[in-house]
Amino acid sequence: MKTTTRRRLSLSTLRRLRDLIITRIAERSARWTFERGDGSRFDNATFGDGEGCWLTATLRETPDESTRTLLVRITLNVKSPEAWHRASEVFVKAIVEGETEFKVIERGQADGYGGWRGWVRRGVDCCSVWLGENRPDCHSYDNVGALLDGEYLRVQAALQAAATARPVPGYPFTRQPEWFTKATADLRTGRAVTLTPSGFGVGYRFTTRRISRFDGRAKVELEQALGVAPLYVETLDCD
């Protein structure tokens, strides 16, 4: 039986790998800026079986005549719990995981620290992008260049969806217009309609008949928006 030797790369090697990634990608990704960080940013941070070092890719884009600036930040942890690399390539089997965040800043508004949006569900996920292996809970890419391009398009799609989303009356959710049409049709045929958060939190299940004695009446404004009454609501613990 063949055995596989697990070998950690040294932190200095990981740093060289990170710098190589920055150099190679920066040559063909003019829209992005790369930050190596300071000593506290890429110290011996331990993730799973490997040691990692950080790099941050940032994009700042203000379309012509726009009053809004798009700020995208992708934080990548370069690590290699059982991998090796060749200096001639950006990486070979080196594992990179990361998180994409973005926000829109109005003209004259300071960047600040809040307002970031992303896909990592706190307490559920550790990353939203992955490189080097397939992860069912992440968007996976073959190389860092594809990751940057893919996440940029992903952010653009999220912004377009946010622009057309409508608030759900009486409840802290937003949904696309077609959700309201489908919800009305489902409720009228006796099906339940559910609203749940992407991570931990409180969800709601709506029905046209009381299923439990603990069910309460849904908000009137939701009944009016869907054109179905009466509606009953059950609270869901999504922890």
Protein backbone atom coordinates (compact mmCIF):
# COMPACT_ATOMS: atom_id res chain seq x y z
CA MET A 1 0.00 0.00 0.00
CA LYS A 2 1.42 3.34 -1.06
CA THR A 3 1.64 6.00 1.61
CA THR A 4 1.53 9.75 1.03
CA THR A 5 3.95 11.93 2.90
CA ARG A 6 2.35 15.08 4.23
CA ARG A 7 4.71 18.00 4.25
CA ARG A 8 4.11 21.56 5.29
CA LEU A 9 5.70 24.35 3.37
CA SER A 10 7.65 26.81 5.45
CA LEU A 11 6.19 30.25 6.07
CA SER A 12 8.99 31.84 4.03
CA THR A 13 8.11 29.57 1.10
CA LEU A 14 4.44 30.48 1.41
CA ARG A 15 5.36 34.14 1.40
CA ARG A 16 7.39 33.66 -1.76
CA LEU A 17 4.43 31.82 -3.27
CA ARG A 18 2.12 34.66 -2.33
CA ASP A 19 4.48 37.24 -3.84
CA LEU A 20 4.74 35.16 -7.00
CA ILE A 21 0.95 35.12 -7.27
CA ILE A 22 0.84 38.89 -6.84
CA THR A 23 3.53 39.44 -9.48
CA ARG A 24 1.97 37.14 -12.06
CA ILE A 25 -1.58 38.40 -11.63
CA ALA A 26 -0.67 42.07 -11.35
CA GLU A 27 0.92 41.86 -14.79
CA ARG A 28 -2.46 41.21 -16.41
CA SER A 29 -4.98 42.55 -13.87
CA ALA A 30 -4.55 46.30 -13.98
CA ARG A 31 -7.87 46.98 -12.26
CA TRP A 32 -6.75 45.22 -9.07
CA THR A 33 -4.26 46.36 -6.45
CA PHE A 34 -2.51 43.86 -4.20
CA GLU A 35 -1.49 44.26 -0.61
CA ARG A 36 1.08 42.04 1.00
CA GLY A 37 0.06 43.22 4.44
CA ASP A 38 2.25 43.84 7.46
CA GLY A 39 3.68 41.39 9.97
CA SER A 40 0.39 40.99 11.79
CA ARG A 41 -1.37 40.29 8.51
CA PHE A 42 0.60 37.25 7.34
CA ASP A 43 2.02 35.72 10.47
CA ASN A 44 1.78 32.03 11.37
CA ALA A 45 -1.98 31.90 11.03
CA THR A 46 -3.11 28.29 11.28
CA PHE A 47 -5.97 27.03 9.12
CA GLY A 48 -6.68 23.34 9.41
CA ASP A 49 -3.48 21.39 8.82
CA GLY A 50 -1.54 24.15 7.14
CA GLU A 51 0.15 27.42 7.82
CA GLY A 52 -1.01 30.34 5.76
CA CYS A 53 -0.08 33.83 4.71
CA TRP A 54 -2.47 36.49 3.50
CA LEU A 55 -2.83 38.66 0.44
CA THR A 56 -5.63 41.10 -0.29
CA ALA A 57 -6.79 42.07 -3.78
CA THR A 58 -8.78 45.31 -3.97
CA LEU A 59 -10.73 46.82 -6.83
CA ARG A 60 -12.07 50.39 -6.80
CA GLU A 61 -14.25 51.31 -9.76
CA THR A 62 -16.16 54.52 -10.44
CA PRO A 63 -17.95 54.47 -13.81
CA ASP A 64 -17.83 57.68 -15.86
CA GLU A 65 -20.27 60.33 -14.60
CA SER A 66 -21.32 58.05 -11.74
CA THR A 67 -21.79 59.26 -8.18
CA ARG A 68 -21.10 55.79 -6.80
CA THR A 69 -17.90 53.82 -6.35
CA LEU A 70 -17.77 50.04 -6.23
CA LEU A 71 -15.26 48.67 -3.76
CA VAL A 72 -14.43 44.95 -3.92
CA ARG A 73 -12.06 43.25 -1.50
CA ILE A 74 -10.91 39.65 -1.85
CA THR A 75 -8.86 38.31 1.04
CA LEU A 76 -6.94 35.15 0.17
CA ASN A 77 -5.12 32.80 2.48
CA VAL A 78 -2.32 30.99 0.67
CA LYS A 79 -1.64 27.69 2.36
CA SER A 80 -0.45 24.23 1.47
CA PRO A 81 -1.05 21.46 4.02
CA GLU A 82 0.24 18.68 1.79
CA ALA A 83 1.41 20.43 -1.33
CA TRP A 84 4.51 21.36 -3.24
CA HIS A 85 5.16 24.05 -5.86
CA ARG A 86 7.57 24.97 -8.60
CA ALA A 87 8.88 28.51 -8.88
CA SER A 88 8.09 28.50 -12.60
CA GLU A 89 4.35 28.32 -11.93
CA VAL A 90 1.93 30.45 -9.96
CA PHE A 91 1.06 27.40 -7.90
CA VAL A 92 0.89 23.65 -8.18
CA LYS A 93 -1.51 22.04 -5.75
CA ALA A 94 -1.14 25.03 -3.46
CA ILE A 95 -4.45 25.61 -1.74
CA VAL A 96 -5.89 29.11 -1.63
CA GLU A 97 -9.10 29.95 0.20
CA GLY A 98 -10.66 33.32 0.63
CA GLU A 99 -13.59 35.63 1.08
CA THR A 100 -15.06 38.20 -1.27
CA GLU A 101 -16.67 41.34 0.14
CA PHE A 102 -18.05 44.39 -1.64
CA LYS A 103 -19.88 47.63 -1.03
CA VAL A 104 -21.04 50.69 -2.92
CA ILE A 105 -19.89 54.09 -1.68
CA GLU A 106 -21.78 57.27 -2.53
CA ARG A 107 -19.81 60.29 -3.66
CA GLY A 108 -18.39 62.19 -0.71
CA GLN A 109 -18.93 59.27 1.66
CA ALA A 110 -15.94 57.89 3.55
CA ASP A 111 -15.07 54.22 3.02
CA GLY A 112 -15.50 53.49 6.72
CA TYR A 113 -15.48 50.00 8.15
CA GLY A 114 -19.08 48.91 7.79
CA GLY A 115 -21.45 48.15 4.95
CA TRP A 116 -19.55 45.20 3.50
CA ARG A 117 -21.59 42.46 1.84
CA GLY A 118 -20.47 38.99 0.86
CA TRP A 119 -21.27 35.31 0.77
CA VAL A 120 -19.65 33.96 3.93
CA ARG A 121 -22.36 32.95 6.40
CA ARG A 122 -20.97 33.70 9.83
CA GLY A 123 -20.89 30.58 11.96
CA VAL A 124 -21.53 28.37 8.91
CA ASP A 125 -18.79 28.93 6.33
CA CYS A 126 -15.11 29.79 6.58
CA CYS A 127 -14.68 31.00 3.02
CA SER A 128 -16.61 31.79 -0.17
CA VAL A 129 -13.92 31.20 -2.81
CA TRP A 130 -11.59 28.28 -3.18
CA LEU A 131 -8.61 27.44 -5.34
CA GLY A 132 -6.90 24.12 -5.86
CA GLU A 133 -9.70 21.75 -4.80
CA ASN A 134 -13.45 21.51 -5.23
CA ARG A 135 -15.61 22.74 -2.39
CA PRO A 136 -19.40 22.36 -2.68
CA ASP A 137 -20.03 25.41 -0.49
CA CYS A 138 -17.68 27.71 -2.43
CA HIS A 139 -17.08 29.03 -5.91
CA SER A 140 -14.01 27.15 -7.13
CA TYR A 141 -11.52 28.36 -9.73
CA ASP A 142 -8.51 26.91 -11.51
CA ASN A 143 -6.24 29.92 -11.04
CA VAL A 144 -6.09 33.28 -9.34
CA GLY A 145 -6.71 35.24 -12.54
CA ALA A 146 -9.95 33.33 -13.15
CA LEU A 147 -10.88 33.85 -9.50
CA LEU A 148 -10.53 37.63 -9.74
CA ASP A 149 -12.49 37.82 -13.01
CA GLY A 150 -15.15 35.42 -11.78
CA GLU A 151 -15.69 37.19 -8.47
CA TYR A 152 -15.94 40.55 -10.22
CA LEU A 153 -18.75 39.18 -12.42
CA ARG A 154 -20.35 37.61 -9.35
CA VAL A 155 -20.39 40.98 -7.58
CA GLN A 156 -21.90 42.66 -10.65
CA ALA A 157 -24.67 40.05 -10.75
CA ALA A 158 -25.37 40.57 -7.04
CA LEU A 159 -25.64 44.34 -7.52
CA GLN A 160 -28.05 43.87 -10.44
CA ALA A 161 -30.19 41.54 -8.33
CA ALA A 162 -30.18 44.00 -5.43
CA ALA A 163 -31.35 46.78 -7.74
CA THR A 164 -34.53 44.89 -8.66
CA ALA A 165 -35.23 43.26 -5.28
CA ARG A 166 -38.32 44.28 -3.32
CA PRO A 167 -38.73 44.24 0.46
CA VAL A 168 -41.11 41.63 1.86
CA PRO A 169 -43.72 43.75 3.70
CA GLY A 170 -43.54 43.31 7.46
CA TYR A 171 -40.49 41.01 7.43
CA PRO A 172 -36.72 41.65 7.22
CA PHE A 173 -36.21 40.05 3.79
CA THR A 174 -35.95 41.17 0.18
CA ARG A 175 -36.95 39.06 -2.81
CA GLN A 176 -37.11 39.37 -6.58
CA PRO A 177 -40.49 40.35 -8.10
CA GLU A 178 -41.08 36.84 -9.42
CA TRP A 179 -40.95 35.52 -5.83
CA PHE A 180 -44.14 37.43 -5.00
CA THR A 181 -45.94 35.99 -8.04
CA LYS A 182 -44.89 32.44 -7.21
CA ALA A 183 -45.69 32.86 -3.51
CA THR A 184 -49.24 33.96 -4.34
CA ALA A 185 -49.73 30.99 -6.66
CA ASP A 186 -48.34 28.52 -4.12
CA LEU A 187 -50.46 29.81 -1.26
CA ARG A 188 -53.64 29.70 -3.34
CA THR A 189 -53.00 26.03 -4.10
CA GLY A 190 -52.44 25.17 -0.42
CA ARG A 191 -48.64 25.11 -0.42
CA ALA A 192 -46.51 26.75 2.24
CA VAL A 193 -44.12 29.62 1.50
CA THR A 194 -40.89 29.93 3.49
CA LEU A 195 -38.46 32.77 4.15
CA THR A 196 -35.12 31.76 5.65
CA PRO A 197 -31.83 33.63 6.19
CA SER A 198 -28.68 32.54 4.35
CA GLY A 199 -26.99 31.74 7.68
CA PHE A 200 -28.11 31.56 11.28
CA GLY A 201 -31.21 33.48 12.26
CA VAL A 202 -35.01 33.45 12.28
CA GLY A 203 -37.13 32.24 9.39
CA TYR A 204 -40.85 32.22 8.67
CA ARG A 205 -43.28 29.73 7.11
CA PHE A 206 -46.58 31.07 5.78
CA THR A 207 -49.73 29.03 5.17
CA THR A 208 -53.39 29.74 4.53
CA ARG A 209 -54.49 27.58 7.45
CA ARG A 210 -53.30 27.31 11.00
CA ILE A 211 -51.09 24.21 11.37
CA SER A 212 -50.18 24.66 15.02
CA ARG A 213 -51.92 26.36 17.89
CA PHE A 214 -48.76 28.45 18.24
CA ASP A 215 -49.11 29.90 14.73
CA GLY A 216 -50.05 33.55 14.60
CA ARG A 217 -51.61 35.74 11.97
CA ALA A 218 -49.17 37.10 9.39
CA LYS A 219 -48.68 40.83 8.95
CA VAL A 220 -51.59 42.46 7.17
CA GLU A 221 -49.27 44.26 4.77
CA LEU A 222 -47.94 40.90 3.52
CA GLU A 223 -51.47 39.59 2.99
CA GLN A 224 -52.23 42.71 0.98
CA ALA A 225 -49.03 42.44 -1.08
CA LEU A 226 -49.72 38.79 -1.95
CA GLY A 227 -53.46 39.16 -2.31
CA VAL A 228 -54.10 36.14 -0.08
CA ALA A 229 -55.88 36.22 3.29
CA PRO A 230 -55.90 35.02 5.92
CA LEU A 231 -52.23 34.05 6.22
CA TYR A 232 -50.72 32.33 9.24
CA VAL A 233 -47.05 32.38 10.15
CA GLU A 234 -44.80 29.92 11.94
CA THR A 235 -41.42 31.06 13.25
CA LEU A 236 -38.45 28.87 12.32
CA ASP A 237 -35.25 28.60 14.34
CA CYS A 238 -32.54 28.51 11.67
CA ASP A 239 -29.60 27.91 14.00
